[in-house]
PDB file of N, CA and C in Angstrom:
ATOM      1  N   MET A   1     -17.928  -7.344  21.606  1.00  0.00           N
ATOM      2  CA  MET A   1     -18.253  -6.359  20.188  1.00  0.00           C
ATOM      3  C   MET A   1     -16.954  -6.243  19.560  1.00  0.00           C
ATOM      4  N   ALA A   2     -17.688  -6.669  18.289  1.00  0.00           N
ATOM      5  CA  ALA A   2     -16.175  -7.091  17.255  1.00  0.00           C
ATOM      6  C   ALA A   2     -16.004  -5.795  17.055  1.00  0.00           C
ATOM      7  N   LYS A   3     -14.525  -5.106  16.799  1.00  0.00           N
ATOM      8  CA  LYS A   3     -13.731  -3.615  16.306  1.00  0.00           C
ATOM      9  C   LYS A   3     -13.679  -3.521  14.989  1.00  0.00           C
ATOM     10  N   LYS A   4     -13.657  -3.199  14.020  1.00  0.00           N
ATOM     11  CA  LYS A   4     -13.038  -2.548  12.863  1.00  0.00           C
ATOM     12  C   LYS A   4     -12.381  -2.158  12.880  1.00  0.00           C
ATOM     13  N   ALA A   5     -11.111  -2.829  12.012  1.00  0.00           N
ATOM     14  CA  ALA A   5      -9.547  -2.844  11.702  1.00  0.00           C
ATOM     15  C   ALA A   5      -8.952  -1.617  10.978  1.00  0.00           C
ATOM     16  N   VAL A   6     -10.058  -1.171  10.171  1.00  0.00           N
ATOM     17  CA  VAL A   6      -9.842   0.244   9.803  1.00  0.00           C
ATOM     18  C   VAL A   6     -10.355   1.693  10.469  1.00  0.00           C
ATOM     19  N   ALA A   7     -10.613   1.423  11.529  1.00  0.00           N
ATOM     20  CA  ALA A   7     -10.983   2.521  12.748  1.00  0.00           C
ATOM     21  C   ALA A   7      -9.949   3.179  12.588  1.00  0.00           C
ATOM     22  N   THR A   8      -8.643   3.095  12.753  1.00  0.00           N
ATOM     23  CA  THR A   8      -7.962   4.374  12.935  1.00  0.00           C
ATOM     24  C   THR A   8      -7.314   5.234  11.379  1.00  0.00           C
ATOM     25  N   LEU A   9      -8.163   4.366  10.040  1.00  0.00           N
ATOM     26  CA  LEU A   9      -7.207   5.094   9.563  1.00  0.00           C
ATOM     27  C   LEU A   9      -8.769   6.059   8.848  1.00  0.00           C
ATOM     28  N   GLN A  10      -9.905   5.794   9.953  1.00  0.00           N
ATOM     29  CA  GLN A  10     -11.058   6.564   9.152  1.00  0.00           C
ATOM     30  C   GLN A  10     -10.859   8.166   9.943  1.00  0.00           C
ATOM     31  N   LYS A  11     -10.194   8.450  10.463  1.00  0.00           N
ATOM     32  CA  LYS A  11      -9.671   9.326  11.350  1.00  0.00           C
ATOM     33  C   LYS A  11      -8.735  10.624  10.633  1.00  0.00           C
ATOM     34  N   GLY A  12      -8.641  11.856  11.487  1.00  0.00           N
ATOM     35  CA  GLY A  12      -8.438  13.057  10.319  1.00  0.00           C
ATOM     36  C   GLY A  12      -6.783  12.444   9.876  1.00  0.00           C
ATOM     37  N   ALA A  13      -5.769  11.551  11.023  1.00  0.00           N
ATOM     38  CA  ALA A  13      -4.833  10.672  10.542  1.00  0.00           C
ATOM     39  C   ALA A  13      -4.253  10.146   9.681  1.00  0.00           C
ATOM     40  N   GLY A  14      -5.463   9.055   9.378  1.00  0.00           N
ATOM     41  CA  GLY A  14      -5.402   8.682   8.224  1.00  0.00           C
ATOM     42  C   GLY A  14      -5.457   8.538   6.963  1.00  0.00           C
ATOM     43  N   LYS A  15      -5.731  10.196   6.760  1.00  0.00           N
ATOM     44  CA  LYS A  15      -6.892  10.978   5.534  1.00  0.00           C
ATOM     45  C   LYS A  15      -5.169  11.363   4.933  1.00  0.00           C
ATOM     46  N   GLY A  16      -3.918  11.639   5.696  1.00  0.00           N
ATOM     47  CA  GLY A  16      -2.324  11.539   4.888  1.00  0.00           C
ATOM     48  C   GLY A  16      -2.327  10.156   4.075  1.00  0.00           C
ATOM     49  N   HIS A  17      -2.494   8.947   4.279  1.00  0.00           N
ATOM     50  CA  HIS A  17      -2.172   7.511   3.664  1.00  0.00           C
ATOM     51  C   HIS A  17      -3.074   6.916   2.689  1.00  0.00           C
ATOM     52  N   SER A  18      -2.010   6.373   2.250  1.00  0.00           N
ATOM     53  CA  SER A  18      -2.831   5.524   1.551  1.00  0.00           C
ATOM     54  C   SER A  18      -2.679   4.159   1.036  1.00  0.00           C
ATOM     55  N   LYS A  19      -2.625   2.872   0.442  1.00  0.00           N
ATOM     56  CA  LYS A  19      -3.213   1.516   0.126  1.00  0.00           C
ATOM     57  C   LYS A  19      -2.729   1.852  -1.237  1.00  0.00           C
ATOM     58  N   VAL A  20      -1.252   1.080  -1.458  1.00  0.00           N
ATOM     59  CA  VAL A  20      -0.852   1.249  -3.052  1.00  0.00           C
ATOM     60  C   VAL A  20      -0.780  -0.881  -2.430  1.00  0.00           C
ATOM     61  N   ILE A  21      -1.192  -1.180  -4.831  1.00  0.00           N
ATOM     62  CA  ILE A  21      -0.683  -2.023  -4.487  1.00  0.00           C
ATOM     63  C   ILE A  21       0.505  -2.424  -6.027  1.00  0.00           C
ATOM     64  N   LYS A  22       1.504  -2.709  -6.181  1.00  0.00           N
ATOM     65  CA  LYS A  22       2.583  -2.430  -7.065  1.00  0.00           C
ATOM     66  C   LYS A  22       2.315  -4.518  -6.940  1.00  0.00           C
ATOM     67  N   MET A  23       2.573  -4.724  -9.211  1.00  0.00           N
ATOM     68  CA  MET A  23       2.671  -6.221  -9.279  1.00  0.00           C
ATOM     69  C   MET A  23       4.165  -5.697  -9.472  1.00  0.00           C
ATOM     70  N   VAL A  24       5.195  -7.025  -9.205  1.00  0.00           N
ATOM     71  CA  VAL A  24       6.780  -7.267  -9.589  1.00  0.00           C
ATOM     72  C   VAL A  24       7.100  -8.370  -9.678  1.00  0.00           C
ATOM     73  N   LYS A  25       7.588  -8.790 -10.689  1.00  0.00           N
ATOM     74  CA  LYS A  25       8.061  -9.945 -12.274  1.00  0.00           C
ATOM     75  C   LYS A  25       8.782 -10.976 -10.466  1.00  0.00           C
ATOM     76  N   SER A  26       8.816 -11.943  -9.925  1.00  0.00           N
ATOM     77  CA  SER A  26       9.177 -12.992  -9.033  1.00  0.00           C
ATOM     78  C   SER A  26      10.633 -13.115 -10.306  1.00  0.00           C
ATOM     79  N   PRO A  27      12.116 -12.616  -9.881  1.00  0.00           N
ATOM     80  CA  PRO A  27      13.297 -13.274 -10.359  1.00  0.00           C
ATOM     81  C   PRO A  27      13.820 -14.829 -10.590  1.00  0.00           C
ATOM     82  N   VAL A  28      12.353 -15.718  -9.443  1.00  0.00           N
ATOM     83  CA  VAL A  28      13.002 -16.843  -9.409  1.00  0.00           C
ATOM     84  C   VAL A  28      12.233 -18.010  -9.924  1.00  0.00           C
ATOM     85  N   THR A  29      10.771 -17.340  -9.919  1.00  0.00           N
ATOM     86  CA  THR A  29       9.951 -18.179 -10.600  1.00  0.00           C
ATOM     87  C   THR A  29       9.408 -17.432 -11.616  1.00  0.00           C
ATOM     88  N   GLY A  30       9.681 -16.148 -12.287  1.00  0.00           N
ATOM     89  CA  GLY A  30       9.028 -15.988 -12.885  1.00  0.00           C
ATOM     90  C   GLY A  30       7.366 -15.318 -12.927  1.00  0.00           C
ATOM     91  N   ALA A  31       6.917 -15.663 -11.910  1.00  0.00           N
ATOM     92  CA  ALA A  31       5.554 -15.753 -11.950  1.00  0.00           C
ATOM     93  C   ALA A  31       5.679 -14.005 -11.714  1.00  0.00           C
ATOM     94  N   TYR A  32       3.878 -13.196 -11.455  1.00  0.00           N
ATOM     95  CA  TYR A  32       4.150 -11.800 -10.597  1.00  0.00           C
ATOM     96  C   TYR A  32       3.418 -12.304  -8.974  1.00  0.00           C
ATOM     97  N   VAL A  33       3.838 -11.597  -8.517  1.00  0.00           N
ATOM     98  CA  VAL A  33       3.311 -11.202  -6.952  1.00  0.00           C
ATOM     99  C   VAL A  33       2.548  -9.756  -6.934  1.00  0.00           C
ATOM    100  N   PHE A  34       1.942  -9.622  -5.985  1.00  0.00           N
ATOM    101  CA  PHE A  34       1.301  -8.523  -5.961  1.00  0.00           C
ATOM    102  C   PHE A  34       1.899  -7.812  -4.592  1.00  0.00           C
ATOM    103  N   LYS A  35       2.710  -7.072  -4.201  1.00  0.00           N
ATOM    104  CA  LYS A  35       3.053  -5.970  -3.097  1.00  0.00           C
ATOM    105  C   LYS A  35       2.482  -5.094  -2.518  1.00  0.00           C
ATOM    106  N   GLU A  36       1.982  -4.822  -1.669  1.00  0.00           N
ATOM    107  CA  GLU A  36       0.538  -4.180  -1.087  1.00  0.00           C
ATOM    108  C   GLU A  36       1.620  -3.431   0.618  1.00  0.00           C
ATOM    109  N   GLU A  37       1.439  -1.915  -0.024  1.00  0.00           N
ATOM    110  CA  GLU A  37       1.878  -1.159   1.607  1.00  0.00           C
ATOM    111  C   GLU A  37       1.088   0.454   1.745  1.00  0.00           C
ATOM    112  N   VAL A  38       1.270   0.635   3.119  1.00  0.00           N
ATOM    113  CA  VAL A  38       0.734   1.314   3.734  1.00  0.00           C
ATOM    114  C   VAL A  38       1.763   2.958   3.481  1.00  0.00           C
ATOM    115  N   ILE A  39       2.312   3.586   2.593  1.00  0.00           N
ATOM    116  CA  ILE A  39       2.079   4.712   2.761  1.00  0.00           C
ATOM    117  C   ILE A  39       1.694   6.003   2.728  1.00  0.00           C
ATOM    118  N   THR A  40       2.562   7.560   2.919  1.00  0.00           N
ATOM    119  CA  THR A  40       1.844   8.381   3.042  1.00  0.00           C
ATOM    120  C   THR A  40       1.318   9.092   1.704  1.00  0.00           C
ATOM    121  N   ASN A  41       0.616  10.124   1.654  1.00  0.00           N
ATOM    122  CA  ASN A  41       0.331  10.177  -0.044  1.00  0.00           C
ATOM    123  C   ASN A  41       1.530  11.049  -0.458  1.00  0.00           C
ATOM    124  N   ASP A  42       2.563  11.729   0.177  1.00  0.00           N
ATOM    125  CA  ASP A  42       3.340  12.453  -0.441  1.00  0.00           C
ATOM    126  C   ASP A  42       5.105  11.207  -0.884  1.00  0.00           C
ATOM    127  N   GLU A  43       4.084  10.372  -1.105  1.00  0.00           N
ATOM    128  CA  GLU A  43       5.074   9.575  -1.611  1.00  0.00           C
ATOM    129  C   GLU A  43       4.513   8.186  -2.729  1.00  0.00           C
ATOM    130  N   VAL A  44       3.687   8.694  -3.013  1.00  0.00           N
ATOM    131  CA  VAL A  44       2.905   7.243  -3.801  1.00  0.00           C
ATOM    132  C   VAL A  44       3.153   8.070  -5.256  1.00  0.00           C
ATOM    133  N   LYS A  45       3.492   8.656  -5.336  1.00  0.00           N
ATOM    134  CA  LYS A  45       3.949   8.609  -7.038  1.00  0.00           C
ATOM    135  C   LYS A  45       5.924   8.500  -7.460  1.00  0.00           C
ATOM    136  N   ASN A  46       6.457   8.649  -5.958  1.00  0.00           N
ATOM    137  CA  ASN A  46       7.270   7.798  -6.106  1.00  0.00           C
ATOM    138  C   ASN A  46       7.897   6.550  -6.333  1.00  0.00           C
ATOM    139  N   TYR A  47       6.792   6.513  -5.244  1.00  0.00           N
ATOM    140  CA  TYR A  47       6.798   5.119  -4.978  1.00  0.00           C
ATOM    141  C   TYR A  47       6.732   3.656  -6.364  1.00  0.00           C
ATOM    142  N   PHE A  48       6.325   3.771  -7.339  1.00  0.00           N
ATOM    143  CA  PHE A  48       5.439   3.955  -9.037  1.00  0.00           C
ATOM    144  C   PHE A  48       6.164   4.092  -9.463  1.00  0.00           C
ATOM    145  N   GLN A  49       7.359   5.090  -9.088  1.00  0.00           N
ATOM    146  CA  GLN A  49       8.342   4.905 -10.288  1.00  0.00           C
ATOM    147  C   GLN A  49       9.508   4.264 -10.333  1.00  0.00           C
ATOM    148  N   LYS A  50       9.909   3.858  -8.952  1.00  0.00           N
ATOM    149  CA  LYS A  50      11.359   3.226  -8.624  1.00  0.00           C
ATOM    150  C   LYS A  50      10.873   2.220  -9.234  1.00  0.00           C
ATOM    151  N   GLN A  51      11.486   1.103  -9.254  1.00  0.00           N
ATOM    152  CA  GLN A  51      11.307  -0.113 -10.213  1.00  0.00           C
ATOM    153  C   GLN A  51      12.666  -0.880  -8.886  1.00  0.00           C
TER     154      GLN A  51
END
């Protein structure tokens, strides 16, 4: 049987986390890349404010 990869995020402990995606410009090529992270809900606002 197949297992769901996100099954742990659906339980009570996973509700305190969010997946954030940030677009960052590469200093080498100048192209934009997407940086994905899973962080706690308390840190989401600070994550997007820092550069």
